[in-house]
Amino acid sequence: MEKVYVCSPFKGLDGDYKKNTEYTKSVAKKIFERGDIPIVPHLLLPQFMDDTNSSEREKALIMGLELLDMSNVMEVYCRYGISNGMKNEIIYAESKGKIIRYVE
């Protein structure tokens, strides 16, 4: 059972939180259904933090990287492009030697 860090858009390139959230929920469900553990901080943390508040956003990004450290693999879901936030997560994962899989 892999712990899979989901790298997908939240605000994204288009600023469409709703579309991006639904996309991320669907990929997390697929990961769950195949028997792996989806690690998705951008579905969890916005339940109680404000992404438009810069200090809360920065704290959430740091927490996301901590969760990435605990993951076995990163899967990058790039149907809607790769946002700046995603790029930073990918760079971090590469620096830690994580397995990275790109998925449509």
N, C-alpha and C. Protein backbone atom coordinates (compact mmCIF):
# COMPACT_ATOMS: atom_id res chain seq x y z
N MET A 1 0.85 -1.18 0.00
CA MET A 1 0.00 0.00 0.00
C MET A 1 0.90 1.24 0.00
N GLU A 2 0.82 2.02 -1.07
CA GLU A 2 1.63 3.23 -1.18
C GLU A 2 0.91 4.43 -0.58
N LYS A 3 1.69 5.32 0.00
CA LYS A 3 1.19 6.63 0.42
C LYS A 3 1.49 7.58 -0.73
N VAL A 4 0.45 8.01 -1.43
CA VAL A 4 0.59 8.77 -2.67
C VAL A 4 0.25 10.24 -2.44
N TYR A 5 1.25 11.09 -2.60
CA TYR A 5 1.04 12.53 -2.50
C TYR A 5 0.45 13.01 -3.83
N VAL A 6 -0.71 13.63 -3.76
CA VAL A 6 -1.40 14.12 -4.94
C VAL A 6 -0.98 15.56 -5.22
N CYS A 7 -0.34 15.75 -6.35
CA CYS A 7 0.06 17.07 -6.82
C CYS A 7 -0.90 17.44 -7.95
N SER A 8 -1.84 18.31 -7.65
CA SER A 8 -2.82 18.74 -8.63
C SER A 8 -3.20 20.19 -8.31
N PRO A 9 -3.85 20.87 -9.25
CA PRO A 9 -4.14 22.28 -9.02
C PRO A 9 -5.17 22.50 -7.92
N PHE A 10 -5.00 23.58 -7.17
CA PHE A 10 -6.03 24.04 -6.24
C PHE A 10 -6.62 25.31 -6.82
N LYS A 11 -5.90 26.40 -6.73
CA LYS A 11 -6.31 27.61 -7.45
C LYS A 11 -6.06 27.39 -8.93
N GLY A 12 -4.91 26.82 -9.23
CA GLY A 12 -4.57 26.47 -10.60
C GLY A 12 -4.29 27.66 -11.48
N LEU A 13 -4.15 27.39 -12.75
CA LEU A 13 -3.85 28.43 -13.73
C LEU A 13 -5.08 29.28 -14.03
N ASP A 14 -6.25 28.70 -13.82
CA ASP A 14 -7.49 29.39 -14.18
C ASP A 14 -8.24 29.98 -13.00
N GLY A 15 -7.78 29.72 -11.77
CA GLY A 15 -8.45 30.25 -10.59
C GLY A 15 -9.79 29.59 -10.28
N ASP A 16 -10.07 28.46 -10.91
CA ASP A 16 -11.36 27.78 -10.73
C ASP A 16 -11.23 26.72 -9.62
N TYR A 17 -11.36 27.19 -8.38
CA TYR A 17 -11.23 26.29 -7.22
C TYR A 17 -12.20 25.11 -7.30
N LYS A 18 -13.45 25.39 -7.69
CA LYS A 18 -14.47 24.35 -7.70
C LYS A 18 -14.12 23.23 -8.68
N LYS A 19 -13.77 23.59 -9.92
CA LYS A 19 -13.41 22.58 -10.92
C LYS A 19 -12.19 21.80 -10.47
N ASN A 20 -11.19 22.51 -9.98
CA ASN A 20 -9.95 21.86 -9.56
C ASN A 20 -10.17 20.94 -8.37
N THR A 21 -11.03 21.35 -7.44
CA THR A 21 -11.33 20.51 -6.28
C THR A 21 -12.05 19.24 -6.71
N GLU A 22 -13.00 19.35 -7.61
CA GLU A 22 -13.72 18.15 -8.09
C GLU A 22 -12.76 17.21 -8.81
N TYR A 23 -11.85 17.76 -9.61
CA TYR A 23 -10.84 16.96 -10.30
C TYR A 23 -9.97 16.21 -9.28
N THR A 24 -9.52 16.92 -8.26
CA THR A 24 -8.66 16.32 -7.25
C THR A 24 -9.40 15.25 -6.46
N LYS A 25 -10.66 15.48 -6.13
CA LYS A 25 -11.46 14.46 -5.45
C LYS A 25 -11.55 13.20 -6.29
N SER A 26 -11.74 13.36 -7.60
CA SER A 26 -11.87 12.18 -8.47
C SER A 26 -10.57 11.38 -8.54
N VAL A 27 -9.42 12.06 -8.58
CA VAL A 27 -8.17 11.31 -8.63
C VAL A 27 -7.86 10.68 -7.27
N ALA A 28 -8.21 11.36 -6.18
CA ALA A 28 -8.00 10.77 -4.85
C ALA A 28 -8.84 9.51 -4.69
N LYS A 29 -10.06 9.54 -5.22
CA LYS A 29 -10.92 8.35 -5.15
C LYS A 29 -10.31 7.18 -5.93
N LYS A 30 -9.74 7.46 -7.09
CA LYS A 30 -9.09 6.39 -7.88
C LYS A 30 -7.91 5.79 -7.12
N ILE A 31 -7.14 6.63 -6.47
CA ILE A 31 -6.01 6.15 -5.67
C ILE A 31 -6.52 5.27 -4.53
N PHE A 32 -7.55 5.73 -3.85
CA PHE A 32 -8.18 4.97 -2.76
C PHE A 32 -8.71 3.64 -3.27
N GLU A 33 -9.40 3.66 -4.39
CA GLU A 33 -10.01 2.43 -4.93
C GLU A 33 -8.98 1.39 -5.34
N ARG A 34 -7.80 1.82 -5.73
CA ARG A 34 -6.76 0.84 -6.10
C ARG A 34 -6.02 0.31 -4.86
N GLY A 35 -6.38 0.83 -3.69
CA GLY A 35 -5.83 0.31 -2.45
C GLY A 35 -4.67 1.10 -1.88
N ASP A 36 -4.40 2.27 -2.45
CA ASP A 36 -3.34 3.12 -1.93
C ASP A 36 -3.94 4.27 -1.12
N ILE A 37 -3.10 4.98 -0.40
CA ILE A 37 -3.54 6.06 0.48
C ILE A 37 -3.28 7.41 -0.19
N PRO A 38 -4.34 8.14 -0.56
CA PRO A 38 -4.12 9.46 -1.14
C PRO A 38 -3.80 10.48 -0.06
N ILE A 39 -2.70 11.20 -0.25
CA ILE A 39 -2.31 12.28 0.66
C ILE A 39 -2.60 13.57 -0.12
N VAL A 40 -3.63 14.31 0.32
CA VAL A 40 -4.11 15.46 -0.46
C VAL A 40 -4.31 16.67 0.46
N PRO A 41 -3.22 17.37 0.79
CA PRO A 41 -3.35 18.49 1.72
C PRO A 41 -4.27 19.60 1.22
N HIS A 42 -4.36 19.80 -0.09
CA HIS A 42 -5.20 20.88 -0.59
C HIS A 42 -6.69 20.53 -0.62
N LEU A 43 -7.04 19.31 -0.23
CA LEU A 43 -8.44 19.00 0.06
C LEU A 43 -8.70 19.09 1.56
N LEU A 44 -7.71 18.75 2.36
CA LEU A 44 -7.86 18.75 3.82
C LEU A 44 -7.75 20.15 4.41
N LEU A 45 -6.65 20.81 4.19
CA LEU A 45 -6.34 22.06 4.90
C LEU A 45 -7.33 23.20 4.63
N PRO A 46 -7.85 23.37 3.41
CA PRO A 46 -8.81 24.46 3.19
C PRO A 46 -10.14 24.30 3.95
N GLN A 47 -10.32 23.14 4.59
CA GLN A 47 -11.51 22.96 5.41
C GLN A 47 -11.51 23.89 6.62
N PHE A 48 -10.31 24.33 7.03
CA PHE A 48 -10.21 25.17 8.22
C PHE A 48 -9.21 26.32 8.09
N MET A 49 -8.61 26.50 6.90
CA MET A 49 -7.70 27.63 6.69
C MET A 49 -8.17 28.43 5.48
N ASP A 50 -7.68 29.66 5.40
CA ASP A 50 -8.09 30.58 4.33
C ASP A 50 -6.94 30.70 3.33
N ASP A 51 -7.14 30.17 2.14
CA ASP A 51 -6.09 30.19 1.11
C ASP A 51 -5.78 31.60 0.62
N THR A 52 -6.69 32.54 0.84
CA THR A 52 -6.44 33.92 0.42
C THR A 52 -5.66 34.71 1.47
N ASN A 53 -5.49 34.14 2.66
CA ASN A 53 -4.69 34.76 3.73
C ASN A 53 -3.25 34.28 3.53
N SER A 54 -2.34 35.21 3.22
CA SER A 54 -0.98 34.81 2.85
C SER A 54 -0.25 34.05 3.95
N SER A 55 -0.44 34.42 5.20
CA SER A 55 0.28 33.71 6.27
C SER A 55 -0.30 32.30 6.47
N GLU A 56 -1.62 32.16 6.36
CA GLU A 56 -2.22 30.83 6.46
C GLU A 56 -1.82 29.96 5.26
N ARG A 57 -1.79 30.57 4.09
CA ARG A 57 -1.39 29.83 2.89
C ARG A 57 0.05 29.33 3.02
N GLU A 58 0.95 30.18 3.49
CA GLU A 58 2.35 29.79 3.65
C GLU A 58 2.48 28.64 4.65
N LYS A 59 1.76 28.73 5.76
CA LYS A 59 1.79 27.65 6.75
C LYS A 59 1.27 26.35 6.14
N ALA A 60 0.20 26.44 5.36
CA ALA A 60 -0.37 25.24 4.73
C ALA A 60 0.61 24.64 3.71
N LEU A 61 1.32 25.47 2.98
CA LEU A 61 2.30 24.96 2.01
C LEU A 61 3.42 24.20 2.72
N ILE A 62 3.86 24.71 3.84
CA ILE A 62 4.90 24.02 4.63
C ILE A 62 4.36 22.69 5.16
N MET A 63 3.12 22.70 5.64
CA MET A 63 2.52 21.45 6.11
C MET A 63 2.39 20.44 4.98
N GLY A 64 2.06 20.92 3.78
CA GLY A 64 1.96 20.03 2.63
C GLY A 64 3.29 19.35 2.34
N LEU A 65 4.38 20.10 2.44
CA LEU A 65 5.70 19.51 2.20
C LEU A 65 6.05 18.47 3.26
N GLU A 66 5.62 18.70 4.48
CA GLU A 66 5.82 17.69 5.54
C GLU A 66 5.09 16.40 5.18
N LEU A 67 3.87 16.54 4.66
CA LEU A 67 3.12 15.35 4.23
C LEU A 67 3.78 14.68 3.04
N LEU A 68 4.33 15.48 2.15
CA LEU A 68 5.07 14.92 1.01
C LEU A 68 6.26 14.09 1.50
N ASP A 69 6.94 14.58 2.53
CA ASP A 69 8.06 13.82 3.10
C ASP A 69 7.62 12.44 3.58
N MET A 70 6.40 12.32 4.05
CA MET A 70 5.90 11.04 4.58
C MET A 70 5.37 10.12 3.48
N SER A 71 5.28 10.62 2.26
CA SER A 71 4.72 9.84 1.15
C SER A 71 5.79 8.99 0.49
N ASN A 72 5.34 7.91 -0.16
CA ASN A 72 6.26 7.04 -0.91
C ASN A 72 6.49 7.58 -2.32
N VAL A 73 5.48 8.22 -2.87
CA VAL A 73 5.51 8.60 -4.28
C VAL A 73 4.66 9.86 -4.46
N MET A 74 4.99 10.65 -5.48
CA MET A 74 4.16 11.79 -5.86
C MET A 74 3.54 11.46 -7.21
N GLU A 75 2.24 11.71 -7.32
CA GLU A 75 1.59 11.62 -8.62
C GLU A 75 1.14 13.02 -9.00
N VAL A 76 1.56 13.45 -10.18
CA VAL A 76 1.26 14.79 -10.68
C VAL A 76 0.11 14.67 -11.68
N TYR A 77 -1.01 15.27 -11.33
CA TYR A 77 -2.20 15.24 -12.19
C TYR A 77 -2.26 16.57 -12.94
N CYS A 78 -1.96 16.50 -14.24
CA CYS A 78 -1.70 17.71 -15.01
C CYS A 78 -2.70 17.95 -16.14
N ARG A 79 -3.90 17.42 -16.03
CA ARG A 79 -4.92 17.65 -17.06
C ARG A 79 -5.14 19.14 -17.30
N TYR A 80 -5.08 19.94 -16.25
CA TYR A 80 -5.34 21.38 -16.37
C TYR A 80 -4.05 22.20 -16.27
N GLY A 81 -2.93 21.58 -16.58
CA GLY A 81 -1.65 22.27 -16.53
C GLY A 81 -0.97 22.12 -15.18
N ILE A 82 0.20 22.71 -15.09
CA ILE A 82 0.99 22.66 -13.86
C ILE A 82 1.13 24.07 -13.33
N SER A 83 0.53 24.32 -12.19
CA SER A 83 0.55 25.65 -11.57
C SER A 83 1.90 25.90 -10.91
N ASN A 84 2.13 27.14 -10.50
CA ASN A 84 3.37 27.47 -9.79
C ASN A 84 3.50 26.68 -8.50
N GLY A 85 2.40 26.53 -7.77
CA GLY A 85 2.43 25.74 -6.54
C GLY A 85 2.83 24.29 -6.80
N MET A 86 2.29 23.73 -7.89
CA MET A 86 2.64 22.36 -8.27
C MET A 86 4.12 22.28 -8.63
N LYS A 87 4.61 23.26 -9.40
CA LYS A 87 6.03 23.27 -9.78
C LYS A 87 6.92 23.24 -8.54
N ASN A 88 6.57 24.03 -7.55
CA ASN A 88 7.38 24.06 -6.32
C ASN A 88 7.36 22.71 -5.62
N GLU A 89 6.19 22.04 -5.59
CA GLU A 89 6.11 20.71 -4.97
C GLU A 89 6.96 19.70 -5.75
N ILE A 90 6.93 19.78 -7.07
CA ILE A 90 7.70 18.86 -7.90
C ILE A 90 9.20 19.06 -7.67
N ILE A 91 9.63 20.31 -7.63
CA ILE A 91 11.04 20.61 -7.36
C ILE A 91 11.45 20.05 -6.00
N TYR A 92 10.60 20.22 -5.01
CA TYR A 92 10.89 19.71 -3.67
C TYR A 92 10.99 18.18 -3.70
N ALA A 93 10.02 17.53 -4.36
CA ALA A 93 10.03 16.07 -4.44
C ALA A 93 11.28 15.56 -5.13
N GLU A 94 11.69 16.24 -6.21
CA GLU A 94 12.92 15.86 -6.91
C GLU A 94 14.13 15.98 -5.98
N SER A 95 14.17 17.06 -5.19
CA SER A 95 15.31 17.26 -4.29
C SER A 95 15.38 16.20 -3.20
N LYS A 96 14.24 15.59 -2.90
CA LYS A 96 14.19 14.53 -1.88
C LYS A 96 14.32 13.13 -2.49
N GLY A 97 14.45 13.07 -3.82
CA GLY A 97 14.60 11.77 -4.48
C GLY A 97 13.31 10.96 -4.54
N LYS A 98 12.19 11.62 -4.46
CA LYS A 98 10.90 10.92 -4.51
C LYS A 98 10.63 10.39 -5.91
N ILE A 99 9.92 9.29 -5.96
CA ILE A 99 9.40 8.78 -7.23
C ILE A 99 8.29 9.73 -7.66
N ILE A 100 8.32 10.17 -8.91
CA ILE A 100 7.30 11.09 -9.42
C ILE A 100 6.69 10.46 -10.66
N ARG A 101 5.37 10.35 -10.64
CA ARG A 101 4.63 9.83 -11.80
C ARG A 101 3.71 10.93 -12.32
N TYR A 102 3.75 11.16 -13.62
CA TYR A 102 2.88 12.15 -14.25
C TYR A 102 1.67 11.42 -14.83
N VAL A 103 0.49 11.95 -14.48
CA VAL A 103 -0.77 11.33 -14.87
C VAL A 103 -1.64 12.38 -15.54
N GLU A 104 -2.37 12.01 -16.59
CA GLU A 104 -3.28 12.94 -17.26
C GLU A 104 -4.38 13.37 -16.31
